[in-house]
């Protein structure tokens, strides 16, 4: 509406009161859930196995779905990001893409993912996530839904019970950031790597860090002299 006012289509814009901001979702995958989800993806039919690459890359880098699906391997571009396996760098955005509030910083590749992608490149792989024909994947809904069901079935046959029905591909990003915190990563450095604001890191992820509020608790526990 403000845009229409500036363009002369409206004389004025009404005052809009937005509802309260909902609490951030904190759903992330446990080690076991990630294990069964990945196993399920690898057991999907041929046209759905690209999901396994998406899961691995998502857990290692915390990259958003749209950016991850566009990543090329060793092929710089203006419209999408790419990974440089020689230097070990992930460029989440293309060189011609303008900056938005969805931060997409370039970051170092974890060595395990770097090795996997380098091997893929040597065998002719062009995209981090691609179809069996070697084309870019446009959508994950069908594959994700299939993996969620299959993961529960496979876990059940092994005597385990998991429920991933409340997850979407975005849960991989939450999981990557949460695990970084749980393993003691510096909060501000992690925010830079994952493109997360300081406010969000404090509000959503900081409490996962093993040192969270440690000095305050120590002060309260310390006996007075």
Protein backbone atom coordinates (compact mmCIF):
# COMPACT_ATOMS: atom_id res chain seq x y z
CA UNK A 1 0.00 0.00 0.00
CA UNK A 2 2.86 2.39 0.73
CA UNK A 3 4.25 1.57 -2.69
CA UNK A 4 0.91 2.46 -4.29
CA UNK A 5 0.91 5.80 -2.45
CA UNK A 6 4.40 6.57 -3.76
CA UNK A 7 3.34 5.59 -7.28
CA UNK A 8 0.24 7.78 -7.11
CA UNK A 9 -2.33 4.98 -7.21
CA UNK A 10 -3.61 5.80 -3.70
CA UNK A 11 -3.95 9.12 -1.90
CA UNK A 12 -2.97 7.66 1.46
CA UNK A 13 -2.21 4.36 3.15
CA UNK A 14 -4.25 3.17 6.13
CA UNK A 15 -2.48 2.41 9.39
CA UNK A 16 -1.97 -1.34 9.77
CA UNK A 17 -1.39 -2.99 13.14
CA UNK A 18 0.49 -6.25 12.75
CA UNK A 19 -0.13 -9.21 15.06
CA UNK A 20 2.51 -10.14 17.61
CA UNK A 21 5.50 -11.92 16.15
CA UNK A 22 5.20 -15.68 16.82
CA UNK A 23 7.92 -17.50 18.70
CA UNK A 24 10.64 -18.85 16.45
CA UNK A 25 10.36 -22.54 15.64
CA UNK A 26 13.09 -24.57 17.28
CA UNK A 27 12.55 -27.92 15.56
CA UNK A 28 15.86 -29.55 14.71
CA UNK A 29 16.91 -33.12 13.99
CA UNK A 30 18.54 -35.35 16.55
CA UNK A 31 21.46 -37.49 15.41
CA UNK A 32 19.15 -40.49 15.13
CA UNK A 33 16.48 -38.63 13.17
CA UNK A 34 19.06 -37.34 10.70
CA UNK A 35 20.45 -40.87 10.34
CA UNK A 36 17.09 -42.41 9.46
CA UNK A 37 16.10 -39.54 7.17
CA UNK A 38 19.33 -39.89 5.20
CA UNK A 39 18.97 -43.68 5.01
CA UNK A 40 15.43 -43.29 3.76
CA UNK A 41 16.48 -40.78 1.11
CA UNK A 42 19.13 -43.18 -0.18
CA UNK A 43 16.46 -45.87 -0.47
CA UNK A 44 13.99 -43.80 -2.47
CA UNK A 45 13.33 -44.57 -6.09
CA UNK A 46 15.86 -43.35 -8.62
CA UNK A 47 14.06 -40.04 -9.18
CA UNK A 48 14.18 -39.17 -5.48
CA UNK A 49 17.73 -40.03 -4.47
CA UNK A 50 18.87 -36.46 -5.09
CA UNK A 51 17.36 -35.78 -1.66
CA UNK A 52 20.30 -37.53 0.00
CA UNK A 53 22.73 -34.97 -1.46
CA UNK A 54 20.43 -32.17 -0.33
CA UNK A 55 20.31 -33.52 3.22
CA UNK A 56 24.09 -33.94 3.50
CA UNK A 57 24.81 -30.47 2.10
CA UNK A 58 22.09 -28.93 4.25
CA UNK A 59 23.38 -30.47 7.47
CA UNK A 60 26.97 -29.44 6.75
CA UNK A 61 26.31 -25.86 5.60
CA UNK A 62 22.89 -24.77 6.87
CA UNK A 63 22.19 -23.21 3.47
CA UNK A 64 18.59 -22.29 2.68
CA UNK A 65 16.70 -24.61 0.32
CA UNK A 66 16.42 -22.29 -2.68
CA UNK A 67 20.10 -21.34 -2.59
CA UNK A 68 21.17 -24.95 -2.08
CA UNK A 69 19.17 -26.22 -5.05
CA UNK A 70 20.87 -23.71 -7.32
CA UNK A 71 24.47 -24.48 -6.33
CA UNK A 72 26.79 -25.51 -9.15
CA UNK A 73 30.08 -27.33 -8.64
CA UNK A 74 33.18 -25.45 -9.85
CA UNK A 75 31.07 -23.33 -12.22
CA UNK A 76 30.80 -19.64 -11.23
CA UNK A 77 27.64 -17.87 -12.35
CA UNK A 78 25.62 -14.70 -11.94
CA UNK A 79 22.20 -16.24 -11.28
CA UNK A 80 23.06 -18.79 -8.58
CA UNK A 81 25.78 -19.76 -6.14
CA UNK A 82 28.51 -22.35 -6.54
CA UNK A 83 31.11 -24.35 -4.66
CA UNK A 84 34.82 -24.11 -5.33
CA UNK A 85 36.21 -27.52 -4.40
CA UNK A 86 39.79 -26.45 -5.11
CA UNK A 87 39.77 -23.60 -2.60
CA UNK A 88 37.09 -25.10 -0.37
CA UNK A 89 34.69 -22.17 -0.53
CA UNK A 90 30.89 -22.07 -0.79
CA UNK A 91 29.49 -19.01 -2.60
CA UNK A 92 25.81 -19.06 -1.70
CA UNK A 93 24.77 -16.30 -4.11
CA UNK A 94 25.59 -15.62 -7.75
CA UNK A 95 27.81 -12.65 -8.56
CA UNK A 96 24.90 -10.80 -10.16
CA UNK A 97 22.40 -11.26 -7.36
CA UNK A 98 21.53 -8.22 -5.27
CA UNK A 99 21.79 -8.34 -1.47
CA UNK A 100 18.54 -9.02 0.41
CA UNK A 101 17.58 -9.56 4.04
CA UNK A 102 18.12 -13.29 3.41
CA UNK A 103 21.84 -13.15 4.06
CA UNK A 104 23.93 -15.44 1.89
CA UNK A 105 27.56 -15.09 3.00
CA UNK A 106 30.36 -17.00 1.32
CA UNK A 107 31.94 -19.51 3.71
CA UNK A 108 34.52 -22.25 3.98
CA UNK A 109 33.40 -25.77 3.11
CA UNK A 110 33.68 -28.44 5.81
CA UNK A 111 36.37 -30.90 4.68
CA UNK A 112 33.96 -33.87 4.52
CA UNK A 113 31.57 -32.08 2.17
CA UNK A 114 34.44 -30.66 0.15
CA UNK A 115 35.81 -34.16 -0.45
CA UNK A 116 32.38 -35.50 -1.40
CA UNK A 117 31.72 -32.69 -3.89
CA UNK A 118 35.22 -32.93 -5.37
CA UNK A 119 34.65 -36.63 -6.00
CA UNK A 120 31.31 -35.81 -7.59
CA UNK A 121 32.93 -33.22 -9.84
CA UNK A 122 35.51 -35.75 -11.03
CA UNK A 123 32.67 -38.05 -12.08
CA UNK A 124 30.94 -35.27 -14.03
CA UNK A 125 28.54 -33.91 -11.45
CA UNK A 126 27.46 -30.32 -12.26
CA UNK A 127 25.13 -29.41 -9.39
CA UNK A 128 25.31 -30.14 -5.67
CA UNK A 129 21.74 -31.44 -5.93
CA UNK A 130 20.79 -32.85 -9.30
CA UNK A 131 18.45 -35.38 -10.90
CA UNK A 132 19.56 -38.77 -12.13
CA UNK A 133 19.80 -37.19 -15.60
CA UNK A 134 22.17 -34.51 -14.32
CA UNK A 135 19.73 -31.61 -14.32
CA UNK A 136 18.99 -29.07 -11.61
CA UNK A 137 16.27 -30.11 -9.13
CA UNK A 138 13.31 -27.74 -9.08
CA UNK A 139 11.28 -29.12 -6.17
CA UNK A 140 11.74 -31.42 -3.16
CA UNK A 141 8.19 -31.78 -1.84
CA UNK A 142 7.52 -35.27 -3.21
CA UNK A 143 10.94 -36.65 -2.30
CA UNK A 144 10.86 -35.14 1.20
CA UNK A 145 7.39 -36.50 1.93
CA UNK A 146 8.44 -39.92 0.72
CA UNK A 147 11.58 -39.92 2.85
CA UNK A 148 9.64 -38.89 5.97
CA UNK A 149 7.30 -41.87 5.60
CA UNK A 150 10.08 -44.31 4.68
CA UNK A 151 12.29 -43.17 7.56
CA UNK A 152 9.54 -44.00 10.08
CA UNK A 153 9.00 -47.40 8.45
CA UNK A 154 12.70 -48.29 8.38
CA UNK A 155 13.22 -47.16 11.98
CA UNK A 156 10.17 -49.15 13.10
CA UNK A 157 11.53 -52.35 11.53
CA UNK A 158 14.71 -51.77 13.54
CA UNK A 159 12.74 -51.37 16.76
CA UNK A 160 13.02 -47.59 16.87
CA UNK A 161 10.30 -44.95 16.75
CA UNK A 162 10.72 -41.58 15.06
CA UNK A 163 8.24 -38.99 13.82
CA UNK A 164 9.36 -36.50 11.18
CA UNK A 165 5.87 -35.50 10.07
CA UNK A 166 6.36 -31.97 11.45
CA UNK A 167 9.54 -31.31 9.45
CA UNK A 168 10.25 -29.48 6.21
CA UNK A 169 13.56 -29.05 4.35
CA UNK A 170 14.20 -25.89 6.38
CA UNK A 171 14.75 -28.07 9.45
CA UNK A 172 18.20 -28.90 8.08
CA UNK A 173 19.23 -25.26 8.50
CA UNK A 174 17.99 -25.20 12.10
CA UNK A 175 19.84 -28.45 12.73
CA UNK A 176 23.15 -27.22 11.32
CA UNK A 177 23.08 -24.05 13.43
CA UNK A 178 21.92 -25.87 16.57
CA UNK A 179 24.67 -28.48 16.25
CA UNK A 180 27.28 -25.78 15.79
CA UNK A 181 26.13 -24.23 19.07
CA UNK A 182 26.02 -27.57 20.88
CA UNK A 183 29.59 -28.25 19.80
CA UNK A 184 30.85 -24.97 21.23
CA UNK A 185 31.15 -22.73 18.15
CA UNK A 186 31.61 -19.03 18.81
CA UNK A 187 28.10 -17.57 18.55
CA UNK A 188 29.05 -14.47 16.56
CA UNK A 189 31.27 -16.41 14.19
CA UNK A 190 28.50 -18.96 13.66
CA UNK A 191 26.07 -16.15 12.93
CA UNK A 192 28.42 -14.93 10.21
CA UNK A 193 28.82 -18.40 8.71
CA UNK A 194 25.10 -19.14 8.56
CA UNK A 195 23.96 -15.61 7.75
CA UNK A 196 21.95 -15.22 10.96
CA UNK A 197 21.46 -11.90 12.73
CA UNK A 198 22.79 -11.32 16.24
CA UNK A 199 19.22 -10.98 17.52
CA UNK A 200 18.17 -14.36 16.12
CA UNK A 201 21.31 -16.09 17.40
CA UNK A 202 20.60 -14.82 20.91
CA UNK A 203 16.88 -15.54 20.81
CA UNK A 204 16.79 -18.94 19.09
CA UNK A 205 20.18 -20.66 19.27
CA UNK A 206 22.33 -19.30 22.12
CA UNK A 207 20.84 -21.56 24.80
CA UNK A 208 22.20 -24.63 22.99
CA UNK A 209 25.79 -23.54 23.61
CA UNK A 210 27.48 -25.45 26.46
CA UNK A 211 28.78 -22.17 27.93
CA UNK A 212 25.43 -20.36 27.72
CA UNK A 213 24.96 -18.26 30.87
CA UNK A 214 27.84 -20.16 32.47
CA UNK A 215 29.50 -17.13 34.05
CA UNK A 216 26.20 -15.92 35.52
CA UNK A 217 25.46 -19.34 37.03
CA UNK A 218 29.00 -19.57 38.43
CA UNK A 219 28.58 -16.18 40.03
CA UNK A 220 25.33 -17.27 41.70
CA UNK A 221 26.90 -20.51 42.89
CA UNK A 222 30.01 -18.83 44.28
CA UNK A 223 30.01 -18.55 48.06
CA UNK A 224 30.34 -15.15 49.59
CA UNK A 225 33.49 -14.59 51.58
